[in-house]
């Protein structure tokens, strides 16, 4: 991110509000010096402010209305890119009604266009607004929130947030975490890390998840679109499925749905395994050189020693035969 140093760790791990506001101000001032990337940096700054609002909804501390004056300046006087103008609805409470009309006219052609393009999002955010702008929250104890999201490749990406409380309902937590899906600033090697939340639990007891959209028994279960919309994909990749170990239920179904004609009964399989262990080759006969001069037990015959010759050789060399004698202790 050119000119701005608002990384994921800064947004979610900075404990003091004044320190985080200072980071936002420094990032904005740095972006002004880079005219070529200023518009891009403003877009990422606005997305970071939305991410802080999501953190505020769970956090025990007060991060509500963070950098309010800076955000107001951006929407009233600054050049907000079209890519993030839809995020203005998160900052409705930052302005008076008259100022909000100015913001709408600044970002959209007219009030009608604004209403049409943001109607669904505004109805979705309305019940979450009290949490997004809440102040200090109290709970029985401070917990750690752990969640997993689908990334840009539909692979799970884990994320955690410390010092949270359980003041919200499960539905509210799902909707709040899915706000990250509207943000594109959290990337690794050009790949988005947050597209949709999958499961979440509080670290006090990880055996019981608050929700898991993959679990069919969960009231918030979501069937996989890949399995429903692409049924032929599994049949075309049977060979790869046989070689790989199944990681989820859908892959297990792919293997179980294979034709049963290729599967043989256990008895035949045991015969095949026993036969496969036997080495194939010619039957040994007496005419084979390797089987000549063997005893009845299949061992090679030992060469007979000529004791007279050995005794004469030892006598000529002056060496005596090494013998082990038992010595009395």
Protein backbone atom coordinates (compact mmCIF):
# COMPACT_ATOMS: atom_id res chain seq x y z
CA UNK A 1 0.00 0.00 0.00
CA UNK A 2 1.88 3.03 -1.28
CA UNK A 3 2.34 5.86 1.18
CA UNK A 4 0.18 4.32 3.90
CA UNK A 5 1.27 2.07 6.74
CA UNK A 6 -2.08 0.83 8.07
CA UNK A 7 -1.54 -2.89 8.18
CA UNK A 8 -3.87 -5.51 9.62
CA UNK A 9 -1.82 -5.77 12.80
CA UNK A 10 -2.01 -2.00 13.32
CA UNK A 11 -5.79 -1.92 12.87
CA UNK A 12 -6.62 -4.84 15.15
CA UNK A 13 -3.80 -4.86 17.71
CA UNK A 14 -3.26 -1.19 18.65
CA UNK A 15 -4.65 -0.92 22.17
CA UNK A 16 -4.80 2.84 22.71
CA UNK A 17 -7.28 4.88 20.73
CA UNK A 18 -5.04 7.95 20.48
CA UNK A 19 -2.21 5.87 19.03
CA UNK A 20 -4.45 4.44 16.33
CA UNK A 21 -5.83 7.88 15.46
CA UNK A 22 -2.25 9.10 15.14
CA UNK A 23 -1.53 6.27 12.70
CA UNK A 24 -4.52 7.31 10.58
CA UNK A 25 -3.40 10.94 10.51
CA UNK A 26 0.17 10.02 9.61
CA UNK A 27 -1.07 7.75 6.85
CA UNK A 28 -3.23 10.51 5.38
CA UNK A 29 -0.44 13.08 5.47
CA UNK A 30 1.92 10.62 3.79
CA UNK A 31 -0.63 9.91 1.06
CA UNK A 32 -0.95 13.62 0.22
CA UNK A 33 2.72 13.69 -0.75
CA UNK A 34 2.16 11.00 -3.37
CA UNK A 35 -0.15 12.55 -5.93
CA UNK A 36 -0.11 9.49 -8.18
CA UNK A 37 -1.38 7.17 -5.42
CA UNK A 38 -3.43 9.63 -3.35
CA UNK A 39 -6.81 8.40 -4.59
CA UNK A 40 -5.86 4.78 -3.94
CA UNK A 41 -4.59 5.62 -0.47
CA UNK A 42 -7.79 7.47 0.43
CA UNK A 43 -9.80 4.41 -0.58
CA UNK A 44 -7.71 2.17 1.64
CA UNK A 45 -7.90 4.66 4.50
CA UNK A 46 -11.72 4.59 4.37
CA UNK A 47 -11.72 0.79 4.31
CA UNK A 48 -9.44 0.72 7.34
CA UNK A 49 -11.88 2.97 9.20
CA UNK A 50 -14.70 0.49 8.47
CA UNK A 51 -12.53 -2.36 9.77
CA UNK A 52 -11.97 -0.43 13.02
CA UNK A 53 -15.75 -0.08 13.38
CA UNK A 54 -16.12 -3.86 13.17
CA UNK A 55 -13.43 -4.24 15.81
CA UNK A 56 -15.23 -1.71 17.99
CA UNK A 57 -18.41 -3.81 17.86
CA UNK A 58 -16.62 -6.69 19.65
CA UNK A 59 -13.95 -4.85 21.63
CA UNK A 60 -14.14 -3.93 25.31
CA UNK A 61 -12.54 -0.52 24.68
CA UNK A 62 -13.93 2.50 22.85
CA UNK A 63 -12.90 2.88 19.21
CA UNK A 64 -16.16 4.45 18.07
CA UNK A 65 -16.04 7.46 15.72
CA UNK A 66 -12.30 6.98 15.27
CA UNK A 67 -10.61 9.89 13.43
CA UNK A 68 -14.00 11.55 13.01
CA UNK A 69 -12.63 14.88 11.79
CA UNK A 70 -10.42 13.20 9.21
CA UNK A 71 -13.29 11.07 7.86
CA UNK A 72 -15.56 14.10 7.67
CA UNK A 73 -12.90 16.01 5.72
CA UNK A 74 -12.54 13.16 3.22
CA UNK A 75 -16.25 12.88 2.46
CA UNK A 76 -17.09 16.59 2.51
CA UNK A 77 -14.07 18.09 0.75
CA UNK A 78 -11.86 15.26 -0.45
CA UNK A 79 -11.91 13.15 -3.59
CA UNK A 80 -13.46 9.82 -2.62
CA UNK A 81 -12.89 7.14 -5.30
CA UNK A 82 -15.96 5.50 -6.81
CA UNK A 83 -14.68 2.11 -5.62
CA UNK A 84 -15.46 2.96 -1.98
CA UNK A 85 -18.29 5.46 -2.23
CA UNK A 86 -20.76 2.73 -1.17
CA UNK A 87 -18.96 2.59 2.21
CA UNK A 88 -20.20 6.07 3.05
CA UNK A 89 -23.31 4.53 4.65
CA UNK A 90 -21.16 3.31 7.56
CA UNK A 91 -20.33 6.93 8.46
CA UNK A 92 -23.86 8.33 8.40
CA UNK A 93 -23.65 9.19 12.12
CA UNK A 94 -20.53 11.27 11.54
CA UNK A 95 -22.58 14.06 9.91
CA UNK A 96 -25.60 16.22 10.51
CA UNK A 97 -28.57 15.86 8.14
CA UNK A 98 -27.53 18.91 6.16
CA UNK A 99 -23.95 17.70 5.92
CA UNK A 100 -25.15 14.26 4.87
CA UNK A 101 -27.05 15.76 1.97
CA UNK A 102 -23.80 17.42 0.90
CA UNK A 103 -21.99 14.09 1.09
CA UNK A 104 -24.62 12.40 -1.08
CA UNK A 105 -24.48 15.13 -3.70
CA UNK A 106 -20.70 14.91 -3.61
CA UNK A 107 -20.64 11.15 -4.25
CA UNK A 108 -23.78 10.50 -6.33
CA UNK A 109 -25.69 12.23 -9.10
CA UNK A 110 -28.73 12.77 -6.93
CA UNK A 111 -30.65 11.43 -3.96
CA UNK A 112 -32.48 8.90 -6.14
CA UNK A 113 -29.29 7.23 -7.33
CA UNK A 114 -28.02 7.03 -3.76
CA UNK A 115 -31.25 5.42 -2.54
CA UNK A 116 -31.31 2.84 -5.32
CA UNK A 117 -27.67 1.79 -5.03
CA UNK A 118 -27.53 1.61 -1.23
CA UNK A 119 -31.04 0.50 -0.27
CA UNK A 120 -30.14 -3.13 0.44
CA UNK A 121 -26.91 -2.26 2.25
CA UNK A 122 -28.59 0.35 4.44
CA UNK A 123 -31.29 -2.10 5.54
CA UNK A 124 -28.58 -4.64 6.34
CA UNK A 125 -26.45 -2.21 8.37
CA UNK A 126 -29.29 -0.53 10.28
CA UNK A 127 -29.56 -3.19 13.04
CA UNK A 128 -25.76 -3.30 13.33
CA UNK A 129 -25.23 0.44 13.72
CA UNK A 130 -25.56 0.47 17.55
CA UNK A 131 -22.74 -2.09 17.80
CA UNK A 132 -20.55 -0.36 15.21
CA UNK A 133 -20.73 2.92 17.15
CA UNK A 134 -20.84 1.51 20.69
CA UNK A 135 -18.49 2.81 23.35
CA UNK A 136 -16.89 0.90 26.21
CA UNK A 137 -18.44 -2.54 26.65
CA UNK A 138 -18.44 -4.74 29.72
CA UNK A 139 -18.78 -8.48 30.09
CA UNK A 140 -18.21 -11.31 32.51
CA UNK A 141 -14.65 -11.73 31.30
CA UNK A 142 -12.40 -10.72 28.42
CA UNK A 143 -12.29 -13.37 25.73
CA UNK A 144 -10.44 -14.10 22.52
CA UNK A 145 -12.48 -14.37 19.36
CA UNK A 146 -11.27 -16.85 16.76
CA UNK A 147 -12.81 -17.12 13.32
CA UNK A 148 -12.10 -18.58 9.92
CA UNK A 149 -12.86 -16.96 6.57
CA UNK A 150 -12.79 -18.07 2.97
CA UNK A 151 -10.05 -16.30 1.07
CA UNK A 152 -9.90 -15.46 -2.62
CA UNK A 153 -9.21 -19.12 -3.48
CA UNK A 154 -12.00 -20.47 -1.23
CA UNK A 155 -9.44 -21.73 1.27
CA UNK A 156 -9.77 -21.14 5.00
CA UNK A 157 -7.90 -18.23 6.55
CA UNK A 158 -7.87 -17.98 10.36
CA UNK A 159 -8.17 -14.69 12.22
CA UNK A 160 -8.37 -13.75 15.90
CA UNK A 161 -9.23 -10.70 17.99
CA UNK A 162 -8.39 -10.30 21.67
CA UNK A 163 -10.25 -8.59 24.54
CA UNK A 164 -13.78 -9.09 23.23
CA UNK A 165 -17.11 -9.54 24.99
CA UNK A 166 -20.19 -11.61 24.17
CA UNK A 167 -22.86 -8.91 24.09
CA UNK A 168 -24.16 -9.71 20.59
CA UNK A 169 -26.34 -12.42 19.13
CA UNK A 170 -24.96 -15.05 16.77
CA UNK A 171 -26.76 -13.48 13.81
CA UNK A 172 -25.25 -10.08 14.60
CA UNK A 173 -21.76 -11.57 14.89
CA UNK A 174 -22.09 -13.25 11.49
CA UNK A 175 -23.30 -10.05 9.82
CA UNK A 176 -20.55 -7.98 11.43
CA UNK A 177 -17.77 -10.35 10.41
CA UNK A 178 -19.11 -10.53 6.85
CA UNK A 179 -18.50 -6.79 6.54
CA UNK A 180 -14.85 -7.76 5.99
CA UNK A 181 -16.02 -9.26 2.70
CA UNK A 182 -16.64 -5.73 1.40
CA UNK A 183 -13.04 -4.70 2.09
CA UNK A 184 -10.14 -5.41 -0.25
CA UNK A 185 -7.23 -4.03 1.78
CA UNK A 186 -6.45 -7.27 3.60
CA UNK A 187 -4.45 -9.24 1.07
CA UNK A 188 -1.46 -11.54 0.99
CA UNK A 189 0.49 -11.95 -2.23
CA UNK A 190 -2.36 -10.24 -4.07
CA UNK A 191 -4.99 -12.62 -2.67
CA UNK A 192 -7.90 -11.40 -0.53
CA UNK A 193 -7.93 -12.97 2.94
CA UNK A 194 -11.55 -12.20 3.86
CA UNK A 195 -14.50 -12.96 1.57
CA UNK A 196 -16.99 -14.76 3.81
CA UNK A 197 -16.95 -15.98 7.41
CA UNK A 198 -17.23 -19.75 7.92
CA UNK A 199 -17.06 -20.39 11.65
CA UNK A 200 -16.34 -18.61 14.92
CA UNK A 201 -15.86 -19.45 18.57
CA UNK A 202 -14.63 -17.85 21.77
CA UNK A 203 -11.32 -19.25 23.00
CA UNK A 204 -12.72 -19.99 26.47
CA UNK A 205 -14.08 -23.25 25.03
CA UNK A 206 -13.23 -24.12 21.45
CA UNK A 207 -15.26 -27.34 21.56
CA UNK A 208 -18.48 -25.39 21.06
CA UNK A 209 -18.45 -23.01 18.11
CA UNK A 210 -20.77 -20.06 18.05
CA UNK A 211 -21.61 -21.02 14.48
CA UNK A 212 -20.26 -23.14 11.65
CA UNK A 213 -21.81 -22.59 8.24
CA UNK A 214 -20.42 -25.94 7.02
CA UNK A 215 -22.28 -27.96 9.65
CA UNK A 216 -25.63 -29.21 8.34
CA UNK A 217 -27.06 -29.15 11.87
CA UNK A 218 -26.13 -25.49 12.36
CA UNK A 219 -29.09 -23.09 11.90
CA UNK A 220 -26.81 -20.86 9.80
CA UNK A 221 -25.63 -23.70 7.55
CA UNK A 222 -24.87 -22.75 3.95
CA UNK A 223 -24.57 -25.49 1.30
CA UNK A 224 -21.53 -25.29 -0.90
CA UNK A 225 -22.35 -23.72 -4.25
CA UNK A 226 -19.47 -25.56 -5.89
CA UNK A 227 -21.10 -28.91 -5.19
CA UNK A 228 -24.54 -27.81 -6.33
CA UNK A 229 -23.61 -25.90 -9.47
CA UNK A 230 -20.78 -28.12 -10.72
CA UNK A 231 -21.83 -31.77 -10.30
CA UNK A 232 -19.76 -32.94 -13.27
CA UNK A 233 -16.50 -31.66 -11.82
CA UNK A 234 -16.25 -34.54 -9.38
CA UNK A 235 -16.74 -37.19 -12.08
CA UNK A 236 -14.05 -35.70 -14.31
CA UNK A 237 -11.53 -35.68 -11.46
CA UNK A 238 -12.00 -39.24 -10.18
CA UNK A 239 -8.38 -40.18 -10.60
CA UNK A 240 -7.15 -37.19 -8.60
CA UNK A 241 -9.75 -37.88 -5.90
CA UNK A 242 -8.54 -41.47 -5.53
CA UNK A 243 -4.95 -40.34 -4.96
CA UNK A 244 -5.76 -37.54 -2.51
CA UNK A 245 -7.04 -37.88 1.04
CA UNK A 246 -10.54 -36.34 1.45
CA UNK A 247 -10.55 -33.16 3.55
CA UNK A 248 -14.29 -32.62 3.80
CA UNK A 249 -17.60 -34.37 3.33
CA UNK A 250 -17.99 -33.41 -0.31
CA UNK A 251 -14.73 -35.10 -1.26
CA UNK A 252 -15.79 -38.21 0.62
CA UNK A 253 -19.01 -38.26 -1.39
CA UNK A 254 -17.02 -38.01 -4.59
CA UNK A 255 -15.07 -41.13 -3.70
CA UNK A 256 -18.13 -43.02 -2.43
CA UNK A 257 -20.08 -42.29 -5.62
CA UNK A 258 -17.60 -44.08 -7.85
CA UNK A 259 -18.86 -47.20 -9.77
CA UNK A 260 -19.02 -50.26 -7.55
CA UNK A 261 -17.80 -52.55 -10.35
CA UNK A 262 -14.21 -51.57 -9.67
CA UNK A 263 -14.50 -52.64 -6.03
CA UNK A 264 -13.90 -56.37 -5.36
CA UNK A 265 -14.92 -58.41 -2.31
CA UNK A 266 -12.52 -58.69 0.59
CA UNK A 267 -11.79 -62.39 -0.11
CA UNK A 268 -10.54 -61.70 -3.62
CA UNK A 269 -8.51 -58.76 -2.36
CA UNK A 270 -6.75 -60.94 0.20
CA UNK A 271 -5.96 -63.50 -2.48
CA UNK A 272 -4.59 -60.81 -4.72
CA UNK A 273 -2.38 -59.42 -1.99
CA UNK A 274 -1.05 -62.89 -1.12
CA UNK A 275 -0.36 -63.66 -4.75
CA UNK A 276 1.32 -60.34 -5.32
CA UNK A 277 3.84 -61.08 -2.58
CA UNK A 278 5.10 -64.18 -4.43
CA UNK A 279 7.98 -63.57 -6.77
CA UNK A 280 7.35 -64.53 -10.35
CA UNK A 281 10.05 -66.41 -12.27
CA UNK A 282 11.27 -69.80 -13.45
CA UNK A 283 10.84 -72.92 -11.37
CA UNK A 284 14.27 -73.96 -10.00
CA UNK A 285 15.73 -77.16 -11.46
CA UNK A 286 18.95 -79.15 -11.04
CA UNK A 287 20.17 -77.85 -14.39
CA UNK A 288 20.41 -74.29 -13.11
CA UNK A 289 23.91 -73.29 -12.02
CA UNK A 290 22.65 -71.49 -8.92
CA UNK A 291 21.01 -74.63 -7.63
CA UNK A 292 23.96 -76.94 -8.10
CA UNK A 293 25.96 -78.26 -5.14
CA UNK A 294 23.24 -77.51 -2.57
CA UNK A 295 22.26 -79.65 0.38
CA UNK A 296 18.76 -81.00 0.96
CA UNK A 297 17.95 -77.96 3.11
CA UNK A 298 18.90 -75.59 0.28
CA UNK A 299 22.25 -74.47 1.77
CA UNK A 300 25.58 -74.46 0.02
CA UNK A 301 27.97 -77.26 0.85
CA UNK A 302 31.06 -76.38 2.86
CA UNK A 303 34.43 -77.13 1.35
CA UNK A 304 36.19 -80.01 3.11
CA UNK A 305 39.48 -79.09 4.74
CA UNK A 306 42.65 -81.12 4.32
CA UNK A 307 44.03 -81.22 7.86
CA UNK A 308 47.44 -82.57 6.82
CA UNK A 309 48.06 -79.74 4.38
CA UNK A 310 46.94 -77.07 6.87
CA UNK A 311 49.16 -78.58 9.58
CA UNK A 312 52.15 -78.53 7.27
CA UNK A 313 51.52 -74.93 6.28
CA UNK A 314 51.27 -73.79 9.89
CA UNK A 315 54.43 -75.67 10.74
CA UNK A 316 56.33 -73.97 7.94
CA UNK A 317 55.13 -70.49 8.86
CA UNK A 318 55.80 -70.93 12.56
CA UNK A 319 52.33 -69.82 13.52
CA UNK A 320 50.20 -71.72 15.94
CA UNK A 321 46.51 -72.26 15.71
CA UNK A 322 44.60 -69.76 17.79
CA UNK A 323 42.59 -71.56 20.39
CA UNK A 324 40.45 -70.18 23.10
CA UNK A 325 41.17 -71.81 26.40
CA UNK A 326 39.07 -71.53 29.50
CA UNK A 327 41.01 -69.84 32.22
CA UNK A 328 40.30 -70.35 35.84
CA UNK A 329 39.40 -67.18 37.62
